[in-house]
Amino acid sequence: TYADKVVAAMTDDATAAGLWQQVLDLNNRNIPACSELTMDSLTQLVDWAWTVLVSFKPSPSNEGLYVAGFLICVGAGSPYPSINYTYFAQRHAETRKTFLYIDRVNVDEGVKRQGVGYNMYHCLAQLSLQSLPDSQT
């Protein structure tokens, strides 16, 4: 996947696999706030995504980085079969405006209220302003 290529460019393959496993584990620690994923369903969601943002923090033992949070955003025209996404897609098709749908945001309990979520939302807003022709926020 595209996201695997980005992560692999920053790390070796073993580290990239470990980082995706951390994303999956963080997601599944937040059930029922978000739906459970398997590695296969996470991989498929990442393939459908417009962008995936992953926030890293130094590990408490200072042995590398760990996933402190992630945000998965799906754009207009994705084949993502979510009921909520489909609702947004249908509403925005009527207005012919581009949209971004934030499917899930997860922040590790140990770093909540430290700006991880804020920074991911801010980064997404900046990406959308640079990338989408009719974005306004």
N, C-alpha and C. Protein backbone atom coordinates (compact mmCIF):
# COMPACT_ATOMS: atom_id res chain seq x y z
N THR A 1 0.84 -1.20 0.00
CA THR A 1 0.00 0.00 0.00
C THR A 1 0.88 1.25 0.00
N TYR A 2 0.27 2.37 -0.34
CA TYR A 2 0.99 3.64 -0.33
C TYR A 2 1.54 3.94 1.06
N ALA A 3 0.70 3.73 2.09
CA ALA A 3 1.14 4.03 3.45
C ALA A 3 2.31 3.14 3.85
N ASP A 4 2.28 1.88 3.44
CA ASP A 4 3.41 0.99 3.73
C ASP A 4 4.68 1.52 3.11
N LYS A 5 4.58 2.06 1.90
CA LYS A 5 5.76 2.60 1.22
C LYS A 5 6.30 3.81 1.98
N VAL A 6 5.42 4.65 2.48
CA VAL A 6 5.86 5.81 3.23
C VAL A 6 6.54 5.38 4.52
N VAL A 7 5.91 4.48 5.25
CA VAL A 7 6.50 4.00 6.50
C VAL A 7 7.79 3.25 6.22
N ALA A 8 7.79 2.42 5.16
CA ALA A 8 8.98 1.65 4.83
C ALA A 8 10.13 2.57 4.43
N ALA A 9 9.83 3.70 3.83
CA ALA A 9 10.88 4.64 3.45
C ALA A 9 11.54 5.24 4.69
N MET A 10 10.80 5.31 5.78
CA MET A 10 11.33 5.87 7.02
C MET A 10 12.00 4.81 7.89
N THR A 11 11.66 3.55 7.67
CA THR A 11 12.11 2.49 8.56
C THR A 11 12.43 1.25 7.74
N ASP A 12 12.99 0.25 8.39
CA ASP A 12 13.14 -1.04 7.71
C ASP A 12 11.80 -1.78 7.76
N ASP A 13 11.68 -2.86 6.99
CA ASP A 13 10.40 -3.56 6.89
C ASP A 13 9.89 -4.10 8.22
N ALA A 14 10.79 -4.61 9.05
CA ALA A 14 10.37 -5.15 10.34
C ALA A 14 9.81 -4.06 11.23
N THR A 15 10.44 -2.90 11.22
CA THR A 15 9.95 -1.79 12.03
C THR A 15 8.60 -1.31 11.50
N ALA A 16 8.46 -1.23 10.17
CA ALA A 16 7.19 -0.79 9.57
C ALA A 16 6.06 -1.73 9.99
N ALA A 17 6.31 -3.03 9.94
CA ALA A 17 5.28 -4.00 10.36
C ALA A 17 4.93 -3.80 11.82
N GLY A 18 5.92 -3.53 12.64
CA GLY A 18 5.67 -3.29 14.06
C GLY A 18 4.86 -2.04 14.31
N LEU A 19 5.11 -1.00 13.51
CA LEU A 19 4.34 0.24 13.66
C LEU A 19 2.89 0.04 13.27
N TRP A 20 2.62 -0.71 12.19
CA TRP A 20 1.22 -0.97 11.82
C TRP A 20 0.55 -1.83 12.88
N GLN A 21 1.31 -2.74 13.50
CA GLN A 21 0.74 -3.54 14.58
C GLN A 21 0.36 -2.64 15.76
N GLN A 22 1.19 -1.63 16.04
CA GLN A 22 0.87 -0.68 17.12
C GLN A 22 -0.39 0.11 16.79
N VAL A 23 -0.55 0.51 15.53
CA VAL A 23 -1.77 1.23 15.11
C VAL A 23 -2.98 0.33 15.35
N LEU A 24 -2.87 -0.92 14.93
CA LEU A 24 -3.97 -1.87 15.12
C LEU A 24 -4.28 -2.07 16.60
N ASP A 25 -3.25 -2.24 17.42
CA ASP A 25 -3.46 -2.44 18.86
C ASP A 25 -4.12 -1.23 19.50
N LEU A 26 -3.66 -0.03 19.13
CA LEU A 26 -4.25 1.19 19.67
C LEU A 26 -5.71 1.30 19.27
N ASN A 27 -6.01 1.00 18.02
CA ASN A 27 -7.40 1.01 17.56
C ASN A 27 -8.25 0.07 18.41
N ASN A 28 -7.78 -1.13 18.59
CA ASN A 28 -8.59 -2.14 19.27
C ASN A 28 -8.66 -1.95 20.78
N ARG A 29 -7.79 -1.13 21.33
CA ARG A 29 -7.92 -0.76 22.75
C ARG A 29 -9.05 0.26 22.94
N ASN A 30 -9.50 0.86 21.86
CA ASN A 30 -10.52 1.90 21.95
C ASN A 30 -11.90 1.45 21.50
N ILE A 31 -12.15 0.15 21.53
CA ILE A 31 -13.48 -0.37 21.26
C ILE A 31 -14.32 -0.12 22.51
N PRO A 32 -15.52 0.34 22.50
CA PRO A 32 -16.43 0.48 21.37
C PRO A 32 -16.44 1.87 20.74
N ALA A 33 -15.54 2.77 21.17
CA ALA A 33 -15.52 4.10 20.56
C ALA A 33 -15.25 4.03 19.06
N CYS A 34 -14.53 3.02 18.64
CA CYS A 34 -14.34 2.77 17.21
C CYS A 34 -14.47 1.26 17.00
N SER A 35 -14.73 0.90 15.78
CA SER A 35 -14.95 -0.52 15.50
C SER A 35 -13.64 -1.29 15.48
N GLU A 36 -13.75 -2.55 15.84
CA GLU A 36 -12.58 -3.44 15.87
C GLU A 36 -12.06 -3.65 14.45
N LEU A 37 -10.75 -3.77 14.33
CA LEU A 37 -10.11 -4.06 13.06
C LEU A 37 -9.21 -5.27 13.20
N THR A 38 -9.02 -5.97 12.09
CA THR A 38 -7.98 -6.98 11.97
C THR A 38 -6.87 -6.34 11.13
N MET A 39 -5.73 -6.99 11.02
CA MET A 39 -4.68 -6.42 10.19
C MET A 39 -5.15 -6.33 8.73
N ASP A 40 -5.91 -7.31 8.28
CA ASP A 40 -6.43 -7.25 6.91
C ASP A 40 -7.39 -6.09 6.71
N SER A 41 -8.30 -5.87 7.68
CA SER A 41 -9.26 -4.77 7.53
C SER A 41 -8.58 -3.42 7.70
N LEU A 42 -7.54 -3.33 8.53
CA LEU A 42 -6.77 -2.09 8.64
C LEU A 42 -6.06 -1.80 7.32
N THR A 43 -5.45 -2.82 6.74
CA THR A 43 -4.76 -2.65 5.46
C THR A 43 -5.73 -2.17 4.39
N GLN A 44 -6.93 -2.73 4.36
CA GLN A 44 -7.93 -2.31 3.37
C GLN A 44 -8.37 -0.87 3.62
N LEU A 45 -8.60 -0.51 4.87
CA LEU A 45 -9.00 0.85 5.21
C LEU A 45 -7.91 1.84 4.80
N VAL A 46 -6.66 1.50 5.06
CA VAL A 46 -5.54 2.36 4.67
C VAL A 46 -5.50 2.52 3.16
N ASP A 47 -5.78 1.46 2.42
CA ASP A 47 -5.82 1.55 0.96
C ASP A 47 -6.92 2.49 0.47
N TRP A 48 -8.05 2.52 1.17
CA TRP A 48 -9.16 3.39 0.80
C TRP A 48 -8.96 4.83 1.26
N ALA A 49 -8.04 5.05 2.18
CA ALA A 49 -7.88 6.36 2.82
C ALA A 49 -7.26 7.39 1.88
N TRP A 50 -7.65 8.63 2.11
CA TRP A 50 -7.02 9.78 1.44
C TRP A 50 -5.67 10.03 2.09
N THR A 51 -5.64 9.95 3.41
CA THR A 51 -4.39 10.05 4.14
C THR A 51 -4.52 9.33 5.48
N VAL A 52 -3.39 8.90 5.99
CA VAL A 52 -3.30 8.32 7.33
C VAL A 52 -2.19 9.08 8.04
N LEU A 53 -2.53 9.68 9.16
CA LEU A 53 -1.53 10.40 9.95
C LEU A 53 -1.22 9.57 11.19
N VAL A 54 0.06 9.42 11.47
CA VAL A 54 0.48 8.66 12.65
C VAL A 54 1.42 9.56 13.45
N SER A 55 1.10 9.70 14.73
CA SER A 55 1.91 10.51 15.63
C SER A 55 2.79 9.57 16.45
N PHE A 56 4.06 9.92 16.53
CA PHE A 56 5.01 9.09 17.27
C PHE A 56 5.54 9.86 18.47
N LYS A 57 5.85 9.13 19.51
CA LYS A 57 6.49 9.68 20.71
C LYS A 57 7.65 8.77 21.07
N PRO A 58 8.66 9.32 21.73
CA PRO A 58 9.75 8.45 22.21
C PRO A 58 9.19 7.44 23.21
N SER A 59 9.66 6.20 23.12
CA SER A 59 9.19 5.19 24.06
C SER A 59 9.68 5.54 25.46
N PRO A 60 8.92 5.16 26.48
CA PRO A 60 9.34 5.46 27.86
C PRO A 60 10.73 4.91 28.19
N SER A 61 11.11 3.82 27.53
CA SER A 61 12.42 3.22 27.79
C SER A 61 13.50 3.79 26.88
N ASN A 62 13.14 4.81 26.08
CA ASN A 62 14.05 5.44 25.13
C ASN A 62 14.64 4.44 24.13
N GLU A 63 13.85 3.45 23.77
CA GLU A 63 14.26 2.47 22.76
C GLU A 63 13.42 2.66 21.51
N GLY A 64 13.58 3.79 20.86
CA GLY A 64 12.84 4.04 19.63
C GLY A 64 11.55 4.81 19.88
N LEU A 65 10.64 4.68 18.93
CA LEU A 65 9.38 5.41 18.97
C LEU A 65 8.22 4.45 19.13
N TYR A 66 7.12 4.98 19.65
CA TYR A 66 5.89 4.21 19.67
C TYR A 66 4.77 5.07 19.11
N VAL A 67 3.70 4.42 18.67
CA VAL A 67 2.56 5.12 18.09
C VAL A 67 1.75 5.74 19.22
N ALA A 68 1.72 7.07 19.24
CA ALA A 68 0.97 7.80 20.26
C ALA A 68 -0.45 8.08 19.81
N GLY A 69 -0.67 8.08 18.51
CA GLY A 69 -2.00 8.34 17.98
C GLY A 69 -2.02 8.17 16.48
N PHE A 70 -3.22 8.07 15.94
CA PHE A 70 -3.36 8.01 14.48
C PHE A 70 -4.71 8.56 14.08
N LEU A 71 -4.79 8.98 12.83
CA LEU A 71 -6.01 9.52 12.25
C LEU A 71 -6.12 8.94 10.84
N ILE A 72 -7.27 8.40 10.51
CA ILE A 72 -7.52 7.87 9.17
C ILE A 72 -8.62 8.69 8.54
N CYS A 73 -8.30 9.26 7.39
CA CYS A 73 -9.21 10.16 6.69
C CYS A 73 -9.48 9.63 5.28
N VAL A 74 -10.75 9.53 4.93
CA VAL A 74 -11.17 9.02 3.63
C VAL A 74 -11.71 10.19 2.81
N GLY A 75 -11.34 10.25 1.55
CA GLY A 75 -11.77 11.35 0.69
C GLY A 75 -12.94 10.97 -0.21
N ALA A 76 -13.42 11.95 -0.91
CA ALA A 76 -14.52 11.76 -1.85
C ALA A 76 -14.11 10.75 -2.93
N GLY A 77 -15.07 9.90 -3.32
CA GLY A 77 -14.82 8.95 -4.38
C GLY A 77 -14.21 7.64 -3.95
N SER A 78 -13.99 7.46 -2.67
CA SER A 78 -13.43 6.21 -2.17
C SER A 78 -14.49 5.12 -2.21
N PRO A 79 -14.09 3.88 -2.43
CA PRO A 79 -15.06 2.78 -2.38
C PRO A 79 -15.35 2.29 -0.96
N TYR A 80 -14.93 3.04 0.04
CA TYR A 80 -15.11 2.64 1.44
C TYR A 80 -16.59 2.39 1.72
N PRO A 81 -16.96 1.18 2.20
CA PRO A 81 -18.37 0.82 2.33
C PRO A 81 -19.04 1.21 3.65
N SER A 82 -18.45 2.08 4.44
CA SER A 82 -19.04 2.48 5.72
C SER A 82 -20.38 3.18 5.50
N ILE A 83 -21.35 2.88 6.36
CA ILE A 83 -22.66 3.54 6.28
C ILE A 83 -22.52 5.04 6.49
N ASN A 84 -21.72 5.44 7.48
CA ASN A 84 -21.55 6.87 7.76
C ASN A 84 -20.84 7.57 6.61
N TYR A 85 -19.80 6.94 6.07
CA TYR A 85 -19.10 7.53 4.93
C TYR A 85 -20.04 7.67 3.73
N THR A 86 -20.83 6.65 3.48
CA THR A 86 -21.76 6.68 2.35
C THR A 86 -22.76 7.83 2.50
N TYR A 87 -23.22 8.07 3.72
CA TYR A 87 -24.12 9.19 3.98
C TYR A 87 -23.46 10.51 3.58
N PHE A 88 -22.22 10.73 4.02
CA PHE A 88 -21.52 11.96 3.66
C PHE A 88 -21.30 12.05 2.16
N ALA A 89 -20.91 10.94 1.55
CA ALA A 89 -20.66 10.93 0.11
C ALA A 89 -21.92 11.32 -0.67
N GLN A 90 -23.07 10.79 -0.27
CA GLN A 90 -24.32 11.11 -0.96
C GLN A 90 -24.70 12.57 -0.77
N ARG A 91 -24.54 13.10 0.45
CA ARG A 91 -24.88 14.51 0.70
C ARG A 91 -23.98 15.44 -0.09
N HIS A 92 -22.69 15.12 -0.14
CA HIS A 92 -21.76 16.01 -0.83
C HIS A 92 -21.83 15.85 -2.35
N ALA A 93 -22.32 14.72 -2.83
CA ALA A 93 -22.50 14.54 -4.27
C ALA A 93 -23.53 15.54 -4.79
N GLU A 94 -24.52 15.84 -3.94
CA GLU A 94 -25.56 16.80 -4.34
C GLU A 94 -24.98 18.21 -4.49
N THR A 95 -23.98 18.55 -3.68
CA THR A 95 -23.40 19.89 -3.74
C THR A 95 -22.18 19.96 -4.65
N ARG A 96 -21.71 18.79 -5.10
CA ARG A 96 -20.52 18.68 -5.96
C ARG A 96 -19.28 19.26 -5.32
N LYS A 97 -19.23 19.22 -4.00
CA LYS A 97 -18.06 19.71 -3.29
C LYS A 97 -17.21 18.54 -2.81
N THR A 98 -15.93 18.78 -2.78
CA THR A 98 -15.00 17.80 -2.24
C THR A 98 -15.18 17.74 -0.73
N PHE A 99 -14.98 16.58 -0.17
CA PHE A 99 -15.06 16.46 1.28
C PHE A 99 -14.01 15.47 1.76
N LEU A 100 -13.71 15.57 3.03
CA LEU A 100 -12.87 14.60 3.71
C LEU A 100 -13.67 14.05 4.89
N TYR A 101 -13.62 12.76 5.06
CA TYR A 101 -14.34 12.08 6.12
C TYR A 101 -13.33 11.47 7.08
N ILE A 102 -13.31 11.96 8.31
CA ILE A 102 -12.41 11.39 9.31
C ILE A 102 -13.09 10.15 9.87
N ASP A 103 -12.54 9.01 9.52
CA ASP A 103 -13.14 7.75 9.93
C ASP A 103 -12.84 7.43 11.38
N ARG A 104 -11.61 7.67 11.79
CA ARG A 104 -11.26 7.38 13.18
C ARG A 104 -10.02 8.16 13.59
N VAL A 105 -10.03 8.54 14.86
CA VAL A 105 -8.90 9.20 15.50
C VAL A 105 -8.70 8.48 16.83
N ASN A 106 -7.50 8.04 17.08
CA ASN A 106 -7.20 7.38 18.35
C ASN A 106 -5.93 7.96 18.92
N VAL A 107 -5.94 8.23 20.21
CA VAL A 107 -4.77 8.73 20.94
C VAL A 107 -4.55 7.82 22.13
N ASP A 108 -3.30 7.43 22.32
CA ASP A 108 -2.93 6.57 23.44
C ASP A 108 -3.30 7.25 24.76
N GLU A 109 -3.86 6.48 25.66
CA GLU A 109 -4.31 7.01 26.96
C GLU A 109 -3.20 7.76 27.69
N GLY A 110 -1.97 7.29 27.57
CA GLY A 110 -0.85 7.89 28.29
C GLY A 110 -0.42 9.26 27.80
N VAL A 111 -0.90 9.68 26.62
CA VAL A 111 -0.52 10.99 26.09
C VAL A 111 -1.73 11.87 25.78
N LYS A 112 -2.89 11.48 26.28
CA LYS A 112 -4.07 12.33 26.06
C LYS A 112 -3.87 13.67 26.74
N ARG A 113 -4.43 14.69 26.13
CA ARG A 113 -4.36 16.08 26.61
C ARG A 113 -2.93 16.64 26.52
N GLN A 114 -2.15 16.09 25.58
CA GLN A 114 -0.80 16.60 25.34
C GLN A 114 -0.64 17.13 23.92
N GLY A 115 -1.74 17.33 23.22
CA GLY A 115 -1.69 17.93 21.90
C GLY A 115 -1.55 16.97 20.74
N VAL A 116 -1.56 15.68 21.00
CA VAL A 116 -1.41 14.70 19.91
C VAL A 116 -2.58 14.80 18.93
N GLY A 117 -3.79 14.74 19.44
CA GLY A 117 -4.97 14.85 18.58
C GLY A 117 -5.04 16.19 17.89
N TYR A 118 -4.81 17.26 18.63
CA TYR A 118 -4.82 18.61 18.05
C TYR A 118 -3.84 18.70 16.89
N ASN A 119 -2.63 18.20 17.08
CA ASN A 119 -1.62 18.28 16.03
C ASN A 119 -2.01 17.49 14.79
N MET A 120 -2.64 16.34 14.98
CA MET A 120 -3.07 15.57 13.81
C MET A 120 -4.19 16.29 13.06
N TYR A 121 -5.15 16.86 13.79
CA TYR A 121 -6.21 17.64 13.13
C TYR A 121 -5.62 18.85 12.40
N HIS A 122 -4.69 19.53 13.02
CA HIS A 122 -4.05 20.69 12.40
C HIS A 122 -3.31 20.27 11.13
N CYS A 123 -2.58 19.19 11.19
CA CYS A 123 -1.86 18.68 10.02
C CYS A 123 -2.84 18.33 8.91
N LEU A 124 -3.95 17.69 9.25
CA LEU A 124 -4.95 17.34 8.25
C LEU A 124 -5.53 18.60 7.60
N ALA A 125 -5.81 19.60 8.41
CA ALA A 125 -6.34 20.86 7.86
C ALA A 125 -5.34 21.47 6.88
N GLN A 126 -4.06 21.48 7.23
CA GLN A 126 -3.05 22.04 6.34
C GLN A 126 -2.92 21.23 5.05
N LEU A 127 -2.95 19.91 5.17
CA LEU A 127 -2.90 19.06 3.97
C LEU A 127 -4.08 19.31 3.06
N SER A 128 -5.26 19.45 3.66
CA SER A 128 -6.45 19.66 2.83
C SER A 128 -6.40 21.01 2.12
N LEU A 129 -5.91 22.04 2.80
CA LEU A 129 -5.81 23.36 2.15
C LEU A 129 -4.82 23.33 1.00
N GLN A 130 -3.78 22.55 1.11
CA GLN A 130 -2.78 22.47 0.05
C GLN A 130 -3.19 21.55 -1.08
N SER A 131 -4.04 20.58 -0.80
CA SER A 131 -4.31 19.52 -1.78
C SER A 131 -5.67 19.56 -2.44
N LEU A 132 -6.65 20.14 -1.79
CA LEU A 132 -8.00 20.10 -2.33
C LEU A 132 -8.40 21.45 -2.90
N PRO A 133 -8.84 21.49 -4.13
CA PRO A 133 -9.09 22.78 -4.77
C PRO A 133 -10.20 23.63 -4.16
N ASP A 134 -11.22 23.00 -3.59
CA ASP A 134 -12.32 23.81 -3.04
C ASP A 134 -12.41 23.73 -1.52
N SER A 135 -11.30 23.40 -0.86
CA SER A 135 -11.36 23.32 0.61
C SER A 135 -11.36 24.71 1.20
N GLN A 136 -12.08 24.84 2.30
CA GLN A 136 -12.19 26.13 2.95
C GLN A 136 -11.76 26.08 4.41
N THR A 137 -11.66 24.86 4.97
CA THR A 137 -11.22 24.76 6.36
C THR A 137 -10.26 23.62 6.52
